[in-house]
C-alpha cells in the first residue's frame, strides 16, 4: 500500500519549504521538494545602481544576510575587474567566517539535534552518570554533575508547567529515537550552553559589520571600516583584541563540545550512515581571498563527480571559466515562464503560478545544474573537496570525528563512504566548523599583521564604463556555494540572478526531469510512523534548509497584508 505524506512547513527557522513523499512498504519511493513562496528581489534590482545591490540582496533572508551582502559586492567588483584592498578582504573574511561559525552551531544544536535527542527522556537520566560520560569524552568545563543536575531541574520546570517552550513540537518517544537518557540529558545541556556560545560569533560580525543581521560596512571596492590606533570610532587595537577574545571562546566550545557531540550522538545512529545519500556530485567554490587581486585563497573549491575524490576539478579564482560557464537554472518544474535551462546572466524571473502538479510545476525554487548535472552543495561538499585538495585542516578534523565515532560505537570498521549520508552531513558540518575557527584565527592574525605594517587602506572607488559588463561573485556560505550574477549596462543593473545553496539542494526536477538533492536523498528512507515522519525531517534538516533566499512571497489576490502610516 502506497501512502502520501506531506510535511509543510518542514523547516524550523525559515518555514517556506514543503516536502511530499510516497511511502511503499515502509520506505520512501518518491519525493517532491517544493518552495512555497516566490523570490522577486532580482526583479526589484533591475535599473538600479549596482553599488546599491548589496543592501537589497541581504534582505533575501533574515538569517543569511551577511553572505548576500559580500557576494553582491564581489559580483559587481568582478564585472569591473576591481582590485580590493587587502584589509578589506581580511575584514570581509573575518565577518563571513564568524557568521558561518554562528550558523553551524545554531544548526546542529538548535535546529537539528532535537531530531535525534529525545528531550523528555532526559528527565529519566542520572546526572552523575551523564557527567561521567561527558568528562570521558572532553574537557569542556560545563560537563560536571552539578551542571547536568541544574539542566535537568530546568527541564522538569518546563514539563511540570505543561509548556515545553522551545521543545514543544518534538516527536518525543518516537521509535526512531535511540539515545539513552544520559546522552539525551547531555544533548539538552549543550543545547542550552550553545545559546550563549553562538552569541560570541554574532559579536564578531557586529563589531566589524556595524550590526547583525544586515551588516552595514560593505561597499563595492572594499569596506567602510576606518582603521586607526586610538580613536574610539574606528577599528583599533582594542576592538581587534575584543574580537580575539570572542574567537578564543568559540574555539574552546567547538573543539571540546561540537566536534565531540556529533560523532558521540552519531555512534548510536550508525544505521543512518547508510541513509540519505544524495546525488553524490559535490560543488564548492574557493573562499577567503588572501591578496587584493584574489589570486590566493585560504579555502579550496572544486567539483567532485559521483563521489569519486580522484575526479576533483579545482575552481581556483573569481574569474574561473570552469565555474562561470557550468552553471544553469531550469524552470521546467518551477512556477515560472519558460522551461529551458538558462545561464544566470540570461536568467529570467517571470512568475507563473499554476498549482501543485506532481509531474509538472510544483515549486517556486528553480533547479540549478552544473554542466547539466545536479550537484549537492554545503559542508559535506566542503569536506570532500577539502580532503581531495589536500587541505590539512579538513583531513585532521575528519580523522578526529571518525576516530570518536569508531571509539564510542565500538565499531572500528566504519568505511569512509559512510560520510555520504544523513549523519555524514552533520559530521561534515562539525568538521567544517572546526576548520572555520582555525581560519578565523588566521584571518585575524593576518589583519593585525597587515595593519602593523602601516597599511590602513580599506576602499578602492569603482568607476563604471558606459557599455555592458558582466560579473559573478561567489562565497562558500554556511549552506554551500552561493553565487550572484549581474549584468550592468550604462551604469545600471540590466539583469540580476542569485543561485543560492538551498536552490541547489532544494530544487525540483530539472529540464531532464532529474530529481534534486533533497528528493534523491529521501529515497529509501524508512518511515516508522506515517503520522510522525521524523525520518523525513532528519534527512532534509541535515542539509540545513533555509528557503527565504530561494523564494519570496507573491499574493495572487493582491490583498493588503499590512499598512504602515508614516507620521
Protein backbone atom coordinates (compact mmCIF):
# COMPACT_ATOMS: atom_id res chain seq x y z
CA UNK A 1 0.00 0.00 0.00
CA UNK A 2 1.31 3.42 -1.01
CA UNK A 3 0.89 6.30 1.44
CA UNK A 4 1.33 10.00 0.61
CA UNK A 5 2.86 12.17 3.35
CA UNK A 6 3.05 15.96 3.20
CA UNK A 7 5.17 17.91 5.68
CA UNK A 8 4.51 21.64 5.39
CA UNK A 9 6.44 23.52 6.66
CA UNK A 10 9.39 21.26 7.35
CA UNK A 11 11.96 23.89 8.38
CA UNK A 12 12.33 25.21 11.92
CA UNK A 13 13.68 28.64 11.04
CA UNK A 14 12.55 29.53 7.51
CA UNK A 15 9.12 27.93 7.13
CA UNK A 16 8.59 28.06 3.38
CA UNK A 17 9.52 24.50 2.44
CA UNK A 18 7.07 21.68 1.75
CA UNK A 19 8.16 18.07 1.33
CA UNK A 20 5.91 15.36 -0.14
CA UNK A 21 6.88 11.70 -0.12
CA UNK A 22 5.27 8.48 -1.28
CA UNK A 23 5.87 5.60 1.12
CA UNK A 24 5.61 1.99 -0.02
CA UNK A 25 6.41 -0.98 2.24
CA UNK A 26 7.70 1.37 4.92
CA UNK A 27 10.19 3.25 2.72
CA UNK A 28 10.12 6.40 0.59
CA UNK A 29 10.00 5.60 -3.11
CA UNK A 30 9.36 9.11 -4.49
CA UNK A 31 9.77 12.66 -3.18
CA UNK A 32 8.95 16.24 -4.12
CA UNK A 33 10.67 19.33 -2.70
CA UNK A 34 8.55 22.46 -3.02
CA UNK A 35 9.41 26.05 -2.13
CA UNK A 36 6.12 27.66 -1.24
CA UNK A 37 6.81 31.36 -1.74
CA UNK A 38 8.26 33.43 -4.57
CA UNK A 39 11.50 35.45 -4.59
CA UNK A 40 11.29 38.69 -6.57
CA UNK A 41 14.23 40.80 -5.41
CA UNK A 42 16.02 40.18 -8.72
CA UNK A 43 13.17 41.98 -10.45
CA UNK A 44 13.31 44.84 -7.93
CA UNK A 45 17.01 45.38 -8.74
CA UNK A 46 16.53 45.99 -12.47
CA UNK A 47 17.51 49.58 -13.34
CA UNK A 48 19.17 50.30 -10.01
CA UNK A 49 22.70 51.44 -9.23
CA UNK A 50 24.93 48.33 -8.86
CA UNK A 51 26.51 49.88 -5.77
CA UNK A 52 23.14 49.58 -4.00
CA UNK A 53 22.50 45.92 -4.83
CA UNK A 54 24.10 44.51 -1.66
CA UNK A 55 21.67 46.47 0.53
CA UNK A 56 18.74 44.79 -1.20
CA UNK A 57 20.15 41.30 -1.63
CA UNK A 58 20.97 40.81 2.03
CA UNK A 59 17.23 41.20 2.58
CA UNK A 60 16.78 37.87 0.79
CA UNK A 61 16.86 36.42 4.28
CA UNK A 62 16.98 37.34 7.95
CA UNK A 63 19.48 34.56 8.64
CA UNK A 64 21.96 34.62 5.74
CA UNK A 65 22.21 38.40 5.41
CA UNK A 66 26.00 38.76 5.57
CA UNK A 67 26.65 36.26 2.80
CA UNK A 68 24.46 38.03 0.25
CA UNK A 69 26.00 41.41 1.03
CA UNK A 70 29.52 40.11 0.44
CA UNK A 71 28.67 38.13 -2.69
CA UNK A 72 26.77 41.04 -4.20
CA UNK A 73 29.72 43.43 -3.98
CA UNK A 74 32.01 40.68 -5.27
CA UNK A 75 29.78 40.28 -8.35
CA UNK A 76 30.00 43.98 -9.20
CA UNK A 77 33.74 44.07 -8.47
CA UNK A 78 34.20 41.08 -10.76
CA UNK A 79 32.36 42.87 -13.56
CA UNK A 80 34.63 45.90 -13.09
CA UNK A 81 37.81 43.84 -12.59
CA UNK A 82 38.25 45.96 -9.48
CA UNK A 83 41.06 45.30 -7.02
CA UNK A 84 40.05 45.23 -3.34
CA UNK A 85 42.46 46.43 -0.60
CA UNK A 86 43.92 43.62 1.49
CA UNK A 87 42.48 44.98 4.74
CA UNK A 88 39.01 44.93 3.19
CA UNK A 89 39.47 41.34 2.04
CA UNK A 90 40.52 40.26 5.52
CA UNK A 91 37.72 42.15 7.27
CA UNK A 92 35.21 40.50 4.94
CA UNK A 93 36.82 37.12 5.60
CA UNK A 94 36.52 37.57 9.37
CA UNK A 95 32.87 38.61 9.06
CA UNK A 96 31.89 35.72 6.80
CA UNK A 97 33.82 33.16 8.85
CA UNK A 98 32.27 34.39 12.10
CA UNK A 99 28.83 34.22 10.53
CA UNK A 100 29.47 30.66 9.33
CA UNK A 101 30.52 29.50 12.78
CA UNK A 102 27.41 31.00 14.38
CA UNK A 103 25.23 29.37 11.74
CA UNK A 104 26.79 25.91 12.13
CA UNK A 105 26.48 25.92 15.92
CA UNK A 106 22.84 27.01 15.76
CA UNK A 107 22.03 24.50 13.05
CA UNK A 108 23.20 21.46 14.96
CA UNK A 109 22.17 22.29 18.49
CA UNK A 110 19.01 24.30 17.95
CA UNK A 111 17.61 23.22 14.60
CA UNK A 112 18.63 19.58 14.13
CA UNK A 113 19.75 17.97 17.40
CA UNK A 114 16.13 17.64 18.51
CA UNK A 115 15.61 15.26 15.57
CA UNK A 116 17.96 12.87 17.39
CA UNK A 117 17.85 13.87 21.08
CA UNK A 118 14.68 12.88 22.97
CA UNK A 119 14.36 15.85 25.29
CA UNK A 120 11.67 14.39 27.55
CA UNK A 121 13.72 11.21 28.03
CA UNK A 122 16.41 13.35 29.68
CA UNK A 123 14.15 13.55 32.75
CA UNK A 124 14.98 9.89 33.45
CA UNK A 125 18.76 10.41 33.29
CA UNK A 126 21.21 10.12 36.14
CA UNK A 127 23.08 13.49 36.16
CA UNK A 128 26.15 11.91 37.76
CA UNK A 129 26.33 9.25 35.05
CA UNK A 130 25.80 11.92 32.39
CA UNK A 131 28.68 13.97 33.78
CA UNK A 132 30.94 10.91 33.91
CA UNK A 133 30.16 10.16 30.25
CA UNK A 134 30.71 13.78 29.19
CA UNK A 135 34.00 14.11 31.06
CA UNK A 136 35.26 10.90 29.47
CA UNK A 137 34.78 12.49 26.05
CA UNK A 138 36.12 16.03 26.53
CA UNK A 139 37.50 18.63 28.94
CA UNK A 140 34.63 21.09 28.43
CA UNK A 141 34.30 22.82 31.87
CA UNK A 142 30.48 22.78 31.91
CA UNK A 143 30.19 18.99 31.85
CA UNK A 144 30.09 18.46 35.62
CA UNK A 145 27.36 16.72 37.62
CA UNK A 146 26.20 19.98 39.18
CA UNK A 147 25.62 21.48 35.72
CA UNK A 148 23.76 18.39 34.49
CA UNK A 149 21.52 18.37 37.57
CA UNK A 150 20.73 22.08 37.06
CA UNK A 151 19.78 21.44 33.43
CA UNK A 152 17.55 18.53 34.39
CA UNK A 153 15.82 20.71 37.01
CA UNK A 154 15.17 23.41 34.41
CA UNK A 155 13.71 20.79 32.09
CA UNK A 156 11.44 19.50 34.87
CA UNK A 157 10.12 23.03 35.29
CA UNK A 158 9.23 23.16 31.58
CA UNK A 159 7.44 19.83 31.67
CA UNK A 160 5.78 20.50 35.02
CA UNK A 161 4.26 23.72 33.72
CA UNK A 162 2.71 21.86 30.79
CA UNK A 163 4.67 24.06 28.39
CA UNK A 164 7.81 22.71 26.78
CA UNK A 165 8.90 26.08 25.40
CA UNK A 166 11.40 25.57 22.55
CA UNK A 167 10.96 21.79 22.90
CA UNK A 168 7.20 21.85 22.37
CA UNK A 169 6.96 20.34 18.87
CA UNK A 170 9.30 17.35 19.04
CA UNK A 171 8.41 13.73 18.30
CA UNK A 172 9.33 12.63 21.84
CA UNK A 173 9.12 8.90 22.40
CA UNK A 174 9.28 8.19 18.67
CA UNK A 175 10.54 4.65 17.90
CA UNK A 176 13.38 6.12 15.81
CA UNK A 177 14.83 7.85 18.91
CA UNK A 178 17.65 5.63 20.22
CA UNK A 179 19.75 7.62 22.70
CA UNK A 180 19.98 6.54 26.36
CA UNK A 181 18.54 9.10 28.85
CA UNK A 182 22.05 10.19 29.93
CA UNK A 183 23.06 11.07 26.36
CA UNK A 184 19.75 12.90 25.91
CA UNK A 185 20.47 14.97 29.03
CA UNK A 186 23.93 15.78 27.72
CA UNK A 187 22.40 16.93 24.45
CA UNK A 188 19.92 19.20 26.25
CA UNK A 189 22.71 20.68 28.40
CA UNK A 190 24.82 21.54 25.36
CA UNK A 191 21.75 22.87 23.54
CA UNK A 192 21.32 25.46 26.31
CA UNK A 193 25.04 26.26 26.53
CA UNK A 194 25.25 26.73 22.77
CA UNK A 195 22.68 29.52 23.00
CA UNK A 196 25.28 31.59 24.85
CA UNK A 197 28.28 30.47 22.80
CA UNK A 198 26.81 31.28 19.38
CA UNK A 199 26.41 34.87 20.51
CA UNK A 200 30.19 35.32 20.57
CA UNK A 201 30.28 34.76 16.81
CA UNK A 202 27.48 37.29 16.29
CA UNK A 203 29.50 39.83 18.28
CA UNK A 204 32.49 39.32 15.98
CA UNK A 205 30.25 40.06 12.98
CA UNK A 206 28.60 43.06 14.67
CA UNK A 207 31.87 44.72 15.72
CA UNK A 208 33.13 44.77 12.14
CA UNK A 209 29.82 44.93 10.28
CA UNK A 210 28.19 47.63 12.42
CA UNK A 211 25.26 45.36 13.32
CA UNK A 212 23.93 41.88 12.71
CA UNK A 213 21.82 40.76 10.99
CA UNK A 214 22.11 43.07 7.97
CA UNK A 215 25.68 44.36 8.23
CA UNK A 216 26.32 47.98 7.26
CA UNK A 217 30.00 48.13 6.25
CA UNK A 218 30.03 46.65 2.74
CA UNK A 219 30.91 48.73 -0.32
CA UNK A 220 31.76 47.95 -3.92
CA UNK A 221 35.53 48.34 -3.74
CA UNK A 222 36.06 47.37 -0.11
CA UNK A 223 34.54 48.14 3.27
CA UNK A 224 33.64 51.32 5.13
CA UNK A 225 35.67 50.48 8.25
CA UNK A 226 38.26 53.13 9.10
CA UNK A 227 41.41 51.74 10.68
CA UNK A 228 43.23 53.72 13.38
CA UNK A 229 45.09 53.32 16.62
CA UNK A 230 43.42 55.34 19.35
CA UNK A 231 40.16 56.92 18.17
CA UNK A 232 37.11 55.10 19.63
CA UNK A 233 35.10 55.43 16.41
CA UNK A 234 37.49 53.39 14.24
CA UNK A 235 38.74 49.82 14.07
CA UNK A 236 41.59 49.94 16.58
CA UNK A 237 43.68 47.52 18.61
CA UNK A 238 41.14 47.50 21.44
CA UNK A 239 38.39 46.27 19.14
CA UNK A 240 40.67 43.77 17.47
CA UNK A 241 41.62 42.31 20.86
CA UNK A 242 37.94 42.08 21.83
CA UNK A 243 37.33 40.12 18.63
CA UNK A 244 40.22 37.81 19.55
CA UNK A 245 38.64 37.25 22.99
CA UNK A 246 35.42 36.04 21.35
CA UNK A 247 37.34 33.87 18.85
CA UNK A 248 39.10 32.08 21.72
CA UNK A 249 35.78 31.37 23.47
CA UNK A 250 34.32 29.94 20.27
CA UNK A 251 37.41 27.79 19.73
CA UNK A 252 37.03 26.12 23.14
CA UNK A 253 33.38 25.19 22.59
CA UNK A 254 33.80 23.97 19.00
CA UNK A 255 36.75 21.70 19.71
CA UNK A 256 35.68 20.48 23.17
CA UNK A 257 31.95 20.12 22.54
CA UNK A 258 30.61 20.40 18.99
CA UNK A 259 33.38 18.31 17.45
CA UNK A 260 32.73 15.65 20.12
CA UNK A 261 28.93 15.68 20.39
CA UNK A 262 28.23 14.96 16.73
CA UNK A 263 30.15 11.67 16.49
CA UNK A 264 29.15 10.68 20.05
CA UNK A 265 25.46 11.00 19.17
CA UNK A 266 26.04 9.57 15.70
CA UNK A 267 27.54 6.43 17.23
CA UNK A 268 24.02 5.46 18.38
CA UNK A 269 22.63 6.00 14.88
CA UNK A 270 25.06 4.11 12.65
CA UNK A 271 22.13 2.86 10.57
CA UNK A 272 21.76 6.47 9.40
CA UNK A 273 25.24 6.27 7.91
CA UNK A 274 23.54 4.20 5.21
CA UNK A 275 20.53 6.50 4.75
CA UNK A 276 20.21 9.84 2.97
CA UNK A 277 22.94 9.72 0.33
CA UNK A 278 22.12 12.33 -2.28
CA UNK A 279 23.17 12.83 -5.88
CA UNK A 280 26.87 12.34 -4.92
CA UNK A 281 28.06 15.16 -7.18
CA UNK A 282 29.60 17.86 -4.96
CA UNK A 283 30.29 21.52 -5.76
CA UNK A 284 32.20 24.12 -3.74
CA UNK A 285 33.86 27.45 -4.50
CA UNK A 286 37.17 28.80 -3.14
CA UNK A 287 36.94 31.40 -0.40
CA UNK A 288 38.77 33.76 1.95
CA UNK A 289 40.98 35.58 -0.60
CA UNK A 290 44.44 36.30 0.78
CA UNK A 291 45.51 39.14 -1.52
CA UNK A 292 43.97 42.22 -3.10
CA UNK A 293 43.61 40.58 -6.52
CA UNK A 294 42.17 37.34 -5.11
CA UNK A 295 44.78 35.08 -6.68
CA UNK A 296 45.19 33.00 -3.49
CA UNK A 297 42.54 31.57 -1.17
CA UNK A 298 42.59 30.06 2.32
CA UNK A 299 39.87 27.54 1.43
CA UNK A 300 39.75 25.40 -1.74
CA UNK A 301 36.93 24.95 -4.25
CA UNK A 302 36.10 22.38 -6.88
CA UNK A 303 33.71 19.80 -8.28
CA UNK A 304 33.62 16.08 -7.45
CA UNK A 305 31.56 13.75 -9.62
CA UNK A 306 29.84 10.57 -8.43
CA UNK A 307 31.57 10.55 -5.01
CA UNK A 308 34.97 9.95 -6.64
CA UNK A 309 37.50 12.19 -4.88
CA UNK A 310 40.02 11.48 -7.63
CA UNK A 311 37.67 13.22 -10.07
CA UNK A 312 38.18 16.61 -8.36
CA UNK A 313 38.29 19.51 -10.80
CA UNK A 314 39.55 22.59 -8.93
CA UNK A 315 37.89 26.00 -9.07
CA UNK A 316 40.70 28.44 -8.38
CA UNK A 317 39.60 32.07 -8.75
CA UNK A 318 36.72 34.53 -9.04
CA UNK A 319 37.39 34.52 -12.80
CA UNK A 320 37.45 30.74 -13.19
CA UNK A 321 35.79 29.93 -16.52
CA UNK A 322 35.10 26.36 -15.44
CA UNK A 323 32.68 27.56 -12.76
CA UNK A 324 31.37 30.54 -14.71
CA UNK A 325 30.39 28.53 -17.79
CA UNK A 326 28.96 25.48 -15.98
CA UNK A 327 26.02 26.94 -14.04
CA UNK A 328 22.46 26.96 -15.41
CA UNK A 329 18.94 27.01 -13.93
CA UNK A 330 15.82 25.25 -15.20
CA UNK A 331 12.22 26.31 -14.58
CA UNK A 332 10.52 23.32 -16.19
CA UNK A 333 9.14 22.17 -12.83
CA UNK A 334 9.05 25.59 -11.17
CA UNK A 335 6.31 28.22 -11.29
CA UNK A 336 7.99 30.49 -13.86
CA UNK A 337 7.55 31.16 -17.54
CA UNK A 338 9.85 29.19 -19.84
CA UNK A 339 11.21 25.69 -19.43
CA UNK A 340 14.74 25.90 -20.84
CA UNK A 341 17.88 25.72 -18.70
CA UNK A 342 19.37 29.23 -18.77
CA UNK A 343 22.75 30.56 -17.73
CA UNK A 344 22.25 33.06 -14.87
CA UNK A 345 23.34 36.03 -16.99
CA UNK A 346 20.39 35.17 -19.28
CA UNK A 347 18.19 34.12 -16.36
CA UNK A 348 14.52 35.11 -16.16
CA UNK A 349 12.32 35.63 -13.10
CA UNK A 350 8.78 35.75 -14.53
CA UNK A 351 6.30 34.09 -12.13
CA UNK A 352 3.56 31.82 -13.49
CA UNK A 353 1.87 30.02 -10.62
CA UNK A 354 -0.48 27.16 -11.59
CA UNK A 355 -0.92 24.93 -8.51
CA UNK A 356 1.00 21.83 -7.39
CA UNK A 357 1.38 19.22 -10.16
CA UNK A 358 3.33 16.06 -9.34
CA UNK A 359 4.56 15.66 -12.91
CA UNK A 360 4.53 19.34 -13.82
CA UNK A 361 5.36 22.53 -11.95
CA UNK A 362 5.35 22.29 -8.17
CA UNK A 363 7.84 24.77 -6.65
CA UNK A 364 8.93 28.40 -6.60
CA UNK A 365 12.55 27.16 -6.46
CA UNK A 366 14.40 26.71 -9.75
CA UNK A 367 16.62 23.69 -10.50
CA UNK A 368 20.33 24.56 -10.85
CA UNK A 369 22.72 22.26 -12.69
CA UNK A 370 26.49 22.16 -13.19
CA UNK A 371 27.30 21.13 -16.74
CA UNK A 372 23.88 19.51 -16.90
CA UNK A 373 24.26 17.55 -13.64
CA UNK A 374 22.55 18.01 -10.29
CA UNK A 375 25.03 18.81 -7.53
CA UNK A 376 24.90 18.91 -3.74
CA UNK A 377 26.41 21.94 -2.04
CA UNK A 378 27.15 22.51 1.64
CA UNK A 379 29.51 21.26 4.37
CA UNK A 380 29.65 17.70 3.03
CA UNK A 381 30.83 19.05 -0.32
CA UNK A 382 33.27 21.33 1.55
CA UNK A 383 34.85 18.46 3.45
CA UNK A 384 35.14 16.17 0.45
CA UNK A 385 36.66 18.87 -1.76
CA UNK A 386 38.91 19.94 1.13
CA UNK A 387 40.19 16.39 1.66
CA UNK A 388 40.61 15.83 -2.08
CA UNK A 389 42.54 19.13 -2.30
CA UNK A 390 44.89 18.11 0.50
CA UNK A 391 43.75 20.78 2.98
CA UNK A 392 45.35 19.79 6.30
CA UNK A 393 42.54 21.14 8.49
CA UNK A 394 39.82 19.15 6.74
CA UNK A 395 41.89 15.97 6.90
CA UNK A 396 42.79 16.47 10.57
CA UNK A 397 39.29 17.13 11.88
CA UNK A 398 37.64 14.49 9.72
CA UNK A 399 40.05 11.92 11.13
CA UNK A 400 39.24 13.15 14.65
CA UNK A 401 35.48 12.85 14.14
CA UNK A 402 35.79 9.41 12.56
CA UNK A 403 38.02 8.32 15.45
CA UNK A 404 35.44 9.40 18.05
CA UNK A 405 32.65 7.74 16.10
CA UNK A 406 34.53 4.43 15.94
CA UNK A 407 35.54 4.59 19.60
CA UNK A 408 32.08 5.39 21.03
CA UNK A 409 30.29 2.91 18.74
CA UNK A 410 32.85 0.17 19.28
CA UNK A 411 32.97 -0.36 15.52
CA UNK A 412 36.47 0.18 14.08
CA UNK A 413 35.39 -0.73 10.54
CA UNK A 414 33.15 2.22 9.62
CA UNK A 415 34.06 2.94 5.98
CA UNK A 416 34.84 6.39 4.59
CA UNK A 417 31.84 6.02 2.27
CA UNK A 418 29.55 6.37 5.32
CA UNK A 419 30.04 10.12 5.02
CA UNK A 420 27.65 10.12 2.03
CA UNK A 421 24.62 10.06 4.32
CA UNK A 422 22.28 11.98 6.58
CA UNK A 423 24.51 11.56 9.63
CA UNK A 424 27.55 12.24 7.44
CA UNK A 425 26.31 15.75 6.68
CA UNK A 426 26.19 16.53 10.39
CA UNK A 427 29.71 15.16 10.84
CA UNK A 428 30.91 17.25 7.90
CA UNK A 429 29.36 20.40 9.35
CA UNK A 430 31.19 19.87 12.65
CA UNK A 431 34.44 19.33 10.74
CA UNK A 432 33.86 22.47 8.73
CA UNK A 433 33.10 24.48 11.87
CA UNK A 434 36.49 23.45 13.29
CA UNK A 435 38.20 24.45 10.04
CA UNK A 436 36.36 27.77 10.15
CA UNK A 437 37.55 28.62 13.67
CA UNK A 438 41.14 27.91 12.64
CA UNK A 439 40.59 30.09 9.56
CA UNK A 440 39.13 32.84 11.75
CA UNK A 441 42.25 32.80 13.95
CA UNK A 442 44.40 33.04 10.81
CA UNK A 443 42.45 35.89 9.19
CA UNK A 444 42.50 37.89 12.44
CA UNK A 445 46.28 37.50 12.70
CA UNK A 446 46.76 38.47 9.05
CA UNK A 447 44.71 41.63 9.57
CA UNK A 448 46.66 42.55 12.71
CA UNK A 449 49.98 41.95 10.93
CA UNK A 450 48.99 43.94 7.83
CA UNK A 451 47.77 46.93 9.85
CA UNK A 452 51.04 46.70 11.78
CA UNK A 453 52.93 47.45 8.55
CA UNK A 454 51.17 50.83 8.37
CA UNK A 455 48.63 49.84 5.72
CA UNK A 456 45.22 51.30 6.64
CA UNK A 457 43.55 51.24 3.20
CA UNK A 458 40.06 49.70 3.08
CA UNK A 459 38.44 51.08 -0.08
CA UNK A 460 39.14 51.41 -3.81
CA UNK A 461 36.45 53.57 -5.51
CA UNK A 462 34.72 51.95 -8.52
CA UNK A 463 34.32 53.60 -11.93
CA UNK A 464 31.60 52.28 -14.25
CA UNK A 465 32.06 52.18 -18.05
CA UNK A 466 29.31 53.21 -20.46
CA UNK A 467 29.00 49.82 -22.13
CA UNK A 468 27.66 46.45 -20.94
CA UNK A 469 29.68 44.41 -18.45
CA UNK A 470 29.00 41.13 -16.63
CA UNK A 471 30.18 39.78 -13.32
CA UNK A 472 29.79 36.88 -10.93
CA UNK A 473 30.52 36.85 -7.22
CA UNK A 474 30.62 33.76 -5.07
CA UNK A 475 31.16 32.64 -1.49
CA UNK A 476 31.15 29.29 0.28
CA UNK A 477 28.25 30.21 2.56
CA UNK A 478 27.18 28.10 5.58
CA UNK A 479 24.77 26.12 3.40
CA UNK A 480 27.09 25.87 0.41
CA UNK A 481 28.10 27.52 -2.85
CA UNK A 482 26.36 30.89 -3.25
CA UNK A 483 26.71 32.96 -6.42
CA UNK A 484 25.27 36.27 -7.62
CA UNK A 485 25.30 37.11 -11.32
CA UNK A 486 24.94 40.69 -12.59
CA UNK A 487 24.68 42.33 -15.99
CA UNK A 488 25.36 46.09 -15.92
CA UNK A 489 24.65 48.46 -18.81
CA UNK A 490 25.30 52.21 -18.74
CA UNK A 491 25.99 52.01 -15.04
CA UNK A 492 22.63 50.40 -14.19
CA UNK A 493 21.61 46.80 -13.43
CA UNK A 494 20.22 45.13 -16.56
CA UNK A 495 19.84 41.63 -15.08
CA UNK A 496 20.49 40.08 -11.68
CA UNK A 497 20.22 36.45 -10.61
CA UNK A 498 21.14 34.74 -7.33
CA UNK A 499 21.85 31.00 -7.39
CA UNK A 500 21.75 30.12 -3.71
CA UNK A 501 22.69 26.97 -1.75
CA UNK A 502 19.13 25.96 -0.89
CA UNK A 503 18.24 26.34 -4.56
CA UNK A 504 20.97 23.85 -5.47
CA UNK A 505 19.80 21.39 -2.82
CA UNK A 506 16.04 22.04 -2.62
CA UNK A 507 15.37 22.50 -6.32
CA UNK A 508 12.68 20.39 -8.02
CA UNK A 509 13.21 18.15 -11.04
CA UNK A 510 15.27 19.79 -13.77
CA UNK A 511 14.90 20.19 -17.54
CA UNK A 512 15.69 16.48 -17.97
CA UNK A 513 13.23 15.53 -15.17
CA UNK A 514 16.11 14.50 -12.90
CA UNK A 515 15.26 14.94 -9.18
CA UNK A 516 17.15 17.35 -6.95
CA UNK A 517 19.44 16.53 -3.99
CA UNK A 518 16.68 16.59 -1.33
CA UNK A 519 14.47 14.40 -3.50
CA UNK A 520 17.23 11.86 -4.18
CA UNK A 521 18.42 11.80 -0.55
CA UNK A 522 14.92 10.90 0.69
CA UNK A 523 14.64 7.78 -1.45
CA UNK A 524 14.59 4.53 0.55
CA UNK A 525 14.30 6.40 3.86
CA UNK A 526 12.47 4.12 6.34
CA UNK A 527 9.30 5.59 7.88
CA UNK A 528 8.29 4.02 11.21
CA UNK A 529 5.12 6.08 11.71
CA UNK A 530 3.49 7.94 8.76
CA UNK A 531 1.67 10.19 11.26
CA UNK A 532 5.04 11.29 12.71
CA UNK A 533 7.50 11.32 9.79
CA UNK A 534 10.58 12.13 11.88
CA UNK A 535 12.85 10.36 9.42
CA UNK A 536 11.88 12.78 6.63
CA UNK A 537 12.80 15.70 8.88
CA UNK A 538 16.15 14.16 9.73
CA UNK A 539 17.38 13.92 6.16
CA UNK A 540 16.06 17.28 4.97
CA UNK A 541 17.31 19.05 8.11
CA UNK A 542 20.77 17.52 7.56
CA UNK A 543 21.12 19.89 4.57
CA UNK A 544 20.27 22.87 6.82
CA UNK A 545 17.48 24.21 4.59
CA UNK A 546 16.93 27.96 4.66
CA UNK A 547 14.45 28.78 1.95
CA UNK A 548 13.92 32.53 2.27
CA UNK A 549 16.74 33.29 -0.17
CA UNK A 550 15.44 30.66 -2.59
CA UNK A 551 11.94 32.17 -2.58
CA UNK A 552 9.86 35.15 -1.54
CA UNK A 553 6.18 35.98 -1.44
CA UNK A 554 3.52 36.63 -4.06
CA UNK A 555 -0.13 37.47 -3.42
CA UNK A 556 -2.20 36.49 -6.45
CA UNK A 557 -5.30 38.15 -4.95
CA UNK A 558 -3.42 41.42 -4.36
CA UNK A 559 -4.87 41.94 -0.90
CA UNK A 560 -3.32 44.31 1.62
CA UNK A 561 -1.43 42.37 4.28
CA UNK A 562 -0.44 45.34 6.43
CA UNK A 563 -0.48 49.13 6.18
CA UNK A 564 2.08 51.37 7.85
CA UNK A 565 1.38 55.06 8.40
CA UNK A 566 4.37 57.39 8.43
CA UNK A 567 3.97 60.20 10.96
